[in-house]
Amino acid sequence: GRELYERSCITCHGENLEGEPNRGPSLI
């Protein structure tokens, strides 16, 4: 799941699930 996240989700949701401003919310 980490590999999938880093490939498909990390750009918007951040390296530590904290989210990115104007891109994606936190997943915590």
PDB file of all heavy atoms in Angstrom:
ATOM      1  N   GLY A   1       0.809  -1.216   0.000  1.00  0.00           N
ATOM      2  CA  GLY A   1       0.000   0.000   0.000  1.00  0.00           C
ATOM      3  C   GLY A   1       0.840   1.264   0.000  1.00  0.00           C
ATOM      4  O   GLY A   1       0.475   2.256  -0.638  1.00  0.00           O
ATOM      5  N   ARG A   2       1.965   1.223   0.689  1.00  0.00           N
ATOM      6  CA  ARG A   2       2.879   2.369   0.682  1.00  0.00           C
ATOM      7  C   ARG A   2       3.391   2.641  -0.740  1.00  0.00           C
ATOM      8  O   ARG A   2       3.459   3.791  -1.178  1.00  0.00           O
ATOM      9  CB  ARG A   2       4.051   2.127   1.632  1.00  0.00           C
ATOM     10  CG  ARG A   2       5.084   3.251   1.644  1.00  0.00           C
ATOM     11  CD  ARG A   2       6.298   2.859   2.463  1.00  0.00           C
ATOM     12  NE  ARG A   2       5.961   2.763   3.873  1.00  0.00           N
ATOM     13  CZ  ARG A   2       5.951   3.808   4.703  1.00  0.00           C
ATOM     14  NH1 ARG A   2       6.257   5.019   4.245  1.00  0.00           N
ATOM     15  NH2 ARG A   2       5.643   3.647   5.970  1.00  0.00           N
ATOM     16  N   GLU A   3       3.742   1.579  -1.449  1.00  0.00           N
ATOM     17  CA  GLU A   3       4.226   1.750  -2.819  1.00  0.00           C
ATOM     18  C   GLU A   3       3.141   2.366  -3.710  1.00  0.00           C
ATOM     19  O   GLU A   3       3.420   3.255  -4.526  1.00  0.00           O
ATOM     20  CB  GLU A   3       4.681   0.409  -3.380  1.00  0.00           C
ATOM     21  CG  GLU A   3       5.917  -0.166  -2.681  1.00  0.00           C
ATOM     22  CD  GLU A   3       6.343  -1.488  -3.279  1.00  0.00           C
ATOM     23  OE1 GLU A   3       5.708  -1.922  -4.269  1.00  0.00           O
ATOM     24  OE2 GLU A   3       7.305  -2.094  -2.762  1.00  0.00           O
ATOM     25  N   LEU A   4       1.905   1.885  -3.560  1.00  0.00           N
ATOM     26  CA  LEU A   4       0.805   2.442  -4.346  1.00  0.00           C
ATOM     27  C   LEU A   4       0.567   3.908  -3.986  1.00  0.00           C
ATOM     28  O   LEU A   4       0.318   4.750  -4.865  1.00  0.00           O
ATOM     29  CB  LEU A   4      -0.468   1.641  -4.099  1.00  0.00           C
ATOM     30  CG  LEU A   4      -0.514   0.224  -4.666  1.00  0.00           C
ATOM     31  CD1 LEU A   4      -1.724  -0.530  -4.141  1.00  0.00           C
ATOM     32  CD2 LEU A   4      -0.539   0.269  -6.181  1.00  0.00           C
ATOM     33  N   TYR A   5       0.647   4.208  -2.701  1.00  0.00           N
ATOM     34  CA  TYR A   5       0.435   5.591  -2.250  1.00  0.00           C
ATOM     35  C   TYR A   5       1.510   6.509  -2.821  1.00  0.00           C
ATOM     36  O   TYR A   5       1.210   7.602  -3.311  1.00  0.00           O
ATOM     37  CB  TYR A   5       0.455   5.631  -0.724  1.00  0.00           C
ATOM     38  CG  TYR A   5       0.278   7.025  -0.156  1.00  0.00           C
ATOM     39  CD1 TYR A   5      -0.990   7.552   0.048  1.00  0.00           C
ATOM     40  CD2 TYR A   5       1.379   7.821   0.161  1.00  0.00           C
ATOM     41  CE1 TYR A   5      -1.158   8.827   0.556  1.00  0.00           C
ATOM     42  CE2 TYR A   5       1.218   9.097   0.666  1.00  0.00           C
ATOM     43  CZ  TYR A   5      -0.054   9.592   0.868  1.00  0.00           C
ATOM     44  OH  TYR A   5      -0.213  10.867   1.360  1.00  0.00           O
ATOM     45  N   GLU A   6       2.755   6.088  -2.749  1.00  0.00           N
ATOM     46  CA  GLU A   6       3.844   6.922  -3.247  1.00  0.00           C
ATOM     47  C   GLU A   6       3.794   7.092  -4.763  1.00  0.00           C
ATOM     48  O   GLU A   6       4.301   8.085  -5.297  1.00  0.00           O
ATOM     49  CB  GLU A   6       5.186   6.325  -2.822  1.00  0.00           C
ATOM     50  CG  GLU A   6       5.420   6.389  -1.315  1.00  0.00           C
ATOM     51  CD  GLU A   6       6.691   5.697  -0.881  1.00  0.00           C
ATOM     52  OE1 GLU A   6       7.289   4.977  -1.724  1.00  0.00           O
ATOM     53  OE2 GLU A   6       7.092   5.846   0.295  1.00  0.00           O
ATOM     54  N   ARG A   7       3.163   6.155  -5.450  1.00  0.00           N
ATOM     55  CA  ARG A   7       3.074   6.248  -6.900  1.00  0.00           C
ATOM     56  C   ARG A   7       1.863   7.058  -7.356  1.00  0.00           C
ATOM     57  O   ARG A   7       1.930   7.757  -8.358  1.00  0.00           O
ATOM     58  CB  ARG A   7       3.011   4.842  -7.496  1.00  0.00           C
ATOM     59  CG  ARG A   7       3.020   4.820  -9.017  1.00  0.00           C
ATOM     60  CD  ARG A   7       3.203   3.415  -9.563  1.00  0.00           C
ATOM     61  NE  ARG A   7       2.064   2.559  -9.299  1.00  0.00           N
ATOM     62  CZ  ARG A   7       2.116   1.471  -8.543  1.00  0.00           C
ATOM     63  NH1 ARG A   7       3.241   1.127  -7.954  1.00  0.00           N
ATOM     64  NH2 ARG A   7       1.040   0.721  -8.370  1.00  0.00           N
ATOM     65  N   SER A   8       0.745   6.996  -6.598  1.00  0.00           N
ATOM     66  CA  SER A   8      -0.501   7.571  -7.100  1.00  0.00           C
ATOM     67  C   SER A   8      -1.116   8.661  -6.226  1.00  0.00           C
ATOM     68  O   SER A   8      -1.993   9.386  -6.716  1.00  0.00           O
ATOM     69  CB  SER A   8      -1.549   6.447  -7.266  1.00  0.00           C
ATOM     70  OG  SER A   8      -1.075   5.423  -8.112  1.00  0.00           O
ATOM     71  N   CYS A   9      -0.693   8.790  -4.973  1.00  0.00           N
ATOM     72  CA  CYS A   9      -1.405   9.676  -4.042  1.00  0.00           C
ATOM     73  C   CYS A   9      -0.534  10.746  -3.397  1.00  0.00           C
ATOM     74  O   CYS A   9      -1.056  11.765  -2.919  1.00  0.00           O
ATOM     75  CB  CYS A   9      -2.054   8.852  -2.924  1.00  0.00           C
ATOM     76  SG  CYS A   9      -2.910   7.363  -3.481  1.00  0.00           S
ATOM     77  N   ILE A  10       0.776  10.522  -3.346  1.00  0.00           N
ATOM     78  CA  ILE A  10       1.648  11.368  -2.537  1.00  0.00           C
ATOM     79  C   ILE A  10       1.701  12.806  -3.035  1.00  0.00           C
ATOM     80  O   ILE A  10       1.899  13.738  -2.254  1.00  0.00           O
ATOM     81  CB  ILE A  10       3.068  10.751  -2.487  1.00  0.00           C
ATOM     82  CG1 ILE A  10       3.903  11.407  -1.391  1.00  0.00           C
ATOM     83  CG2 ILE A  10       3.747  10.851  -3.841  1.00  0.00           C
ATOM     84  CD1 ILE A  10       5.220  10.708  -1.157  1.00  0.00           C
ATOM     85  N   THR A  11       1.495  13.023  -4.340  1.00  0.00           N
ATOM     86  CA  THR A  11       1.580  14.380  -4.888  1.00  0.00           C
ATOM     87  C   THR A  11       0.540  15.295  -4.273  1.00  0.00           C
ATOM     88  O   THR A  11       0.823  16.478  -4.003  1.00  0.00           O
ATOM     89  CB  THR A  11       1.393  14.340  -6.417  1.00  0.00           C
ATOM     90  OG1 THR A  11       2.375  13.485  -6.990  1.00  0.00           O
ATOM     91  CG2 THR A  11       1.521  15.735  -7.019  1.00  0.00           C
ATOM     92  N   CYS A  12      -0.652  14.781  -4.034  1.00  0.00           N
ATOM     93  CA  CYS A  12      -1.734  15.602  -3.491  1.00  0.00           C
ATOM     94  C   CYS A  12      -1.880  15.486  -1.970  1.00  0.00           C
ATOM     95  O   CYS A  12      -2.267  16.456  -1.314  1.00  0.00           O
ATOM     96  CB  CYS A  12      -3.067  15.235  -4.154  1.00  0.00           C
ATOM     97  SG  CYS A  12      -3.144  15.600  -5.909  1.00  0.00           S
ATOM     98  N   HIS A  13      -1.588  14.319  -1.430  1.00  0.00           N
ATOM     99  CA  HIS A  13      -1.865  14.091  -0.014  1.00  0.00           C
ATOM    100  C   HIS A  13      -0.626  14.120   0.870  1.00  0.00           C
ATOM    101  O   HIS A  13      -0.735  13.902   2.082  1.00  0.00           O
ATOM    102  CB  HIS A  13      -2.597  12.760   0.164  1.00  0.00           C
ATOM    103  CG  HIS A  13      -3.960  12.752  -0.451  1.00  0.00           C
ATOM    104  ND1 HIS A  13      -5.017  13.479   0.056  1.00  0.00           N
ATOM    105  CD2 HIS A  13      -4.435  12.120  -1.556  1.00  0.00           C
ATOM    106  CE1 HIS A  13      -6.090  13.279  -0.691  1.00  0.00           C
ATOM    107  NE2 HIS A  13      -5.767  12.466  -1.686  1.00  0.00           N
ATOM    108  N   GLY A  14       0.554  14.388   0.310  1.00  0.00           N
ATOM    109  CA  GLY A  14       1.742  14.582   1.125  1.00  0.00           C
ATOM    110  C   GLY A  14       2.462  13.303   1.481  1.00  0.00           C
ATOM    111  O   GLY A  14       1.903  12.202   1.443  1.00  0.00           O
ATOM    112  N   GLU A  15       3.707  13.474   1.858  1.00  0.00           N
ATOM    113  CA  GLU A  15       4.558  12.326   2.156  1.00  0.00           C
ATOM    114  C   GLU A  15       4.109  11.582   3.397  1.00  0.00           C
ATOM    115  O   GLU A  15       4.233  10.360   3.493  1.00  0.00           O
ATOM    116  CB  GLU A  15       6.010  12.793   2.330  1.00  0.00           C
ATOM    117  CG  GLU A  15       7.001  11.681   2.580  1.00  0.00           C
ATOM    118  CD  GLU A  15       8.424  12.191   2.678  1.00  0.00           C
ATOM    119  OE1 GLU A  15       8.630  13.418   2.521  1.00  0.00           O
ATOM    120  OE2 GLU A  15       9.332  11.376   2.918  1.00  0.00           O
ATOM    121  N   ASN A  16       3.565  12.308   4.387  1.00  0.00           N
ATOM    122  CA  ASN A  16       3.165  11.698   5.649  1.00  0.00           C
ATOM    123  C   ASN A  16       1.659  11.782   5.878  1.00  0.00           C
ATOM    124  O   ASN A  16       1.202  11.885   7.019  1.00  0.00           O
ATOM    125  CB  ASN A  16       3.904  12.372   6.812  1.00  0.00           C
ATOM    126  CG  ASN A  16       5.407  12.211   6.717  1.00  0.00           C
ATOM    127  OD1 ASN A  16       5.898  11.105   6.528  1.00  0.00           O
ATOM    128  ND2 ASN A  16       6.138  13.305   6.833  1.00  0.00           N
ATOM    129  N   LEU A  17       0.895  11.776   4.788  1.00  0.00           N
ATOM    130  CA  LEU A  17      -0.573  11.830   4.836  1.00  0.00           C
ATOM    131  C   LEU A  17      -1.089  13.166   5.343  1.00  0.00           C
ATOM    132  O   LEU A  17      -2.283  13.291   5.652  1.00  0.00           O
ATOM    133  CB  LEU A  17      -1.159  10.706   5.715  1.00  0.00           C
ATOM    134  CG  LEU A  17      -0.654   9.286   5.532  1.00  0.00           C
ATOM    135  CD1 LEU A  17      -1.419   8.336   6.441  1.00  0.00           C
ATOM    136  CD2 LEU A  17      -0.771   8.834   4.096  1.00  0.00           C
ATOM    137  N   GLU A  18      -0.227  14.195   5.422  1.00  0.00           N
ATOM    138  CA  GLU A  18      -0.631  15.465   6.015  1.00  0.00           C
ATOM    139  C   GLU A  18      -1.356  16.375   5.045  1.00  0.00           C
ATOM    140  O   GLU A  18      -1.863  17.428   5.423  1.00  0.00           O
ATOM    141  CB  GLU A  18       0.593  16.199   6.590  1.00  0.00           C
ATOM    142  CG  GLU A  18       1.499  16.851   5.546  1.00  0.00           C
ATOM    143  CD  GLU A  18       2.484  15.891   4.921  1.00  0.00           C
ATOM    144  OE1 GLU A  18       2.346  14.669   5.136  1.00  0.00           O
ATOM    145  OE2 GLU A  18       3.402  16.355   4.219  1.00  0.00           O
ATOM    146  N   GLY A  19      -1.452  15.990   3.771  1.00  0.00           N
ATOM    147  CA  GLY A  19      -2.125  16.802   2.777  1.00  0.00           C
ATOM    148  C   GLY A  19      -1.214  17.872   2.199  1.00  0.00           C
ATOM    149  O   GLY A  19      -0.133  18.146   2.722  1.00  0.00           O
ATOM    150  N   GLU A  20      -1.671  18.472   1.104  1.00  0.00           N
ATOM    151  CA  GLU A  20      -0.944  19.550   0.443  1.00  0.00           C
ATOM    152  C   GLU A  20      -1.894  20.702   0.184  1.00  0.00           C
ATOM    153  O   GLU A  20      -3.009  20.483  -0.308  1.00  0.00           O
ATOM    154  CB  GLU A  20      -0.332  19.069  -0.881  1.00  0.00           C
ATOM    155  CG  GLU A  20       0.780  18.040  -0.735  1.00  0.00           C
ATOM    156  CD  GLU A  20       2.042  18.630  -0.142  1.00  0.00           C
ATOM    157  OE1 GLU A  20       2.199  19.866  -0.189  1.00  0.00           O
ATOM    158  OE2 GLU A  20       2.881  17.855   0.359  1.00  0.00           O
ATOM    159  N   PRO A  21      -1.499  21.945   0.503  1.00  0.00           N
ATOM    160  CA  PRO A  21      -2.388  23.102   0.279  1.00  0.00           C
ATOM    161  C   PRO A  21      -2.815  23.193  -1.188  1.00  0.00           C
ATOM    162  O   PRO A  21      -1.994  23.068  -2.092  1.00  0.00           O
ATOM    163  CB  PRO A  21      -1.518  24.296   0.695  1.00  0.00           C
ATOM    164  CG  PRO A  21      -0.497  23.718   1.635  1.00  0.00           C
ATOM    165  CD  PRO A  21      -0.219  22.331   1.135  1.00  0.00           C
ATOM    166  N   ASN A  22      -4.122  23.417  -1.373  1.00  0.00           N
ATOM    167  CA  ASN A  22      -4.711  23.590  -2.707  1.00  0.00           C
ATOM    168  C   ASN A  22      -4.572  22.361  -3.600  1.00  0.00           C
ATOM    169  O   ASN A  22      -4.785  22.450  -4.814  1.00  0.00           O
ATOM    170  CB  ASN A  22      -4.088  24.803  -3.421  1.00  0.00           C
ATOM    171  CG  ASN A  22      -4.255  26.087  -2.643  1.00  0.00           C
ATOM    172  OD1 ASN A  22      -5.310  26.326  -2.055  1.00  0.00           O
ATOM    173  ND2 ASN A  22      -3.222  26.915  -2.625  1.00  0.00           N
ATOM    174  N   ARG A  23      -4.213  21.234  -3.009  1.00  0.00           N
ATOM    175  CA  ARG A  23      -4.109  20.002  -3.792  1.00  0.00           C
ATOM    176  C   ARG A  23      -4.985  18.895  -3.219  1.00  0.00           C
ATOM    177  O   ARG A  23      -5.811  18.322  -3.927  1.00  0.00           O
ATOM    178  CB  ARG A  23      -2.659  19.537  -3.857  1.00  0.00           C
ATOM    179  CG  ARG A  23      -1.770  20.376  -4.750  1.00  0.00           C
ATOM    180  CD  ARG A  23      -0.407  19.711  -4.886  1.00  0.00           C
ATOM    181  NE  ARG A  23       0.501  20.488  -5.716  1.00  0.00           N
ATOM    182  CZ  ARG A  23       1.760  20.143  -5.971  1.00  0.00           C
ATOM    183  NH1 ARG A  23       2.255  19.023  -5.466  1.00  0.00           N
ATOM    184  NH2 ARG A  23       2.520  20.901  -6.736  1.00  0.00           N
ATOM    185  N   GLY A  24      -4.738  18.569  -1.969  1.00  0.00           N
ATOM    186  CA  GLY A  24      -5.495  17.477  -1.381  1.00  0.00           C
ATOM    187  C   GLY A  24      -5.514  17.574   0.131  1.00  0.00           C
ATOM    188  O   GLY A  24      -4.575  18.092   0.734  1.00  0.00           O
ATOM    189  N   PRO A  25      -6.578  17.079   0.775  1.00  0.00           N
ATOM    190  CA  PRO A  25      -6.690  17.153   2.225  1.00  0.00           C
ATOM    191  C   PRO A  25      -5.818  16.124   2.930  1.00  0.00           C
ATOM    192  O   PRO A  25      -5.301  15.192   2.315  1.00  0.00           O
ATOM    193  CB  PRO A  25      -8.176  16.863   2.468  1.00  0.00           C
ATOM    194  CG  PRO A  25      -8.550  15.966   1.334  1.00  0.00           C
ATOM    195  CD  PRO A  25      -7.747  16.441   0.147  1.00  0.00           C
ATOM    196  N   SER A  26      -5.677  16.306   4.221  1.00  0.00           N
ATOM    197  CA  SER A  26      -4.963  15.332   5.036  1.00  0.00           C
ATOM    198  C   SER A  26      -5.760  14.028   5.094  1.00  0.00           C
ATOM    199  O   SER A  26      -6.996  14.022   5.106  1.00  0.00           O
ATOM    200  CB  SER A  26      -4.761  15.888   6.449  1.00  0.00           C
ATOM    201  OG  SER A  26      -4.302  14.880   7.328  1.00  0.00           O
ATOM    202  N   LEU A  27      -5.036  12.929   5.138  1.00  0.00           N
ATOM    203  CA  LEU A  27      -5.667  11.618   5.265  1.00  0.00           C
ATOM    204  C   LEU A  27      -5.539  11.062   6.672  1.00  0.00           C
ATOM    205  O   LEU A  27      -5.901   9.907   6.910  1.00  0.00           O
ATOM    206  CB  LEU A  27      -5.046  10.642   4.265  1.00  0.00           C
ATOM    207  CG  LEU A  27      -5.208  10.999   2.778  1.00  0.00           C
ATOM    208  CD1 LEU A  27      -4.601   9.905   1.906  1.00  0.00           C
ATOM    209  CD2 LEU A  27      -6.659  11.227   2.421  1.00  0.00           C
ATOM    210  N   ILE A  28      -5.037  11.859   7.590  1.00  0.00           N
ATOM    211  CA  ILE A  28      -4.911  11.422   8.979  1.00  0.00           C
ATOM    212  C   ILE A  28      -6.295  11.405   9.622  1.00  0.00           C
ATOM    213  O   ILE A  28      -6.979  12.425   9.678  1.00  0.00           O
ATOM    214  CB  ILE A  28      -3.962  12.338   9.753  1.00  0.00           C
ATOM    215  CG1 ILE A  28      -2.557  12.268   9.152  1.00  0.00           C
ATOM    216  CG2 ILE A  28      -3.923  11.956  11.235  1.00  0.00           C
ATOM    217  CD1 ILE A  28      -1.586  13.251   9.755  1.00  0.00           C
TER     218      ILE A  28
END
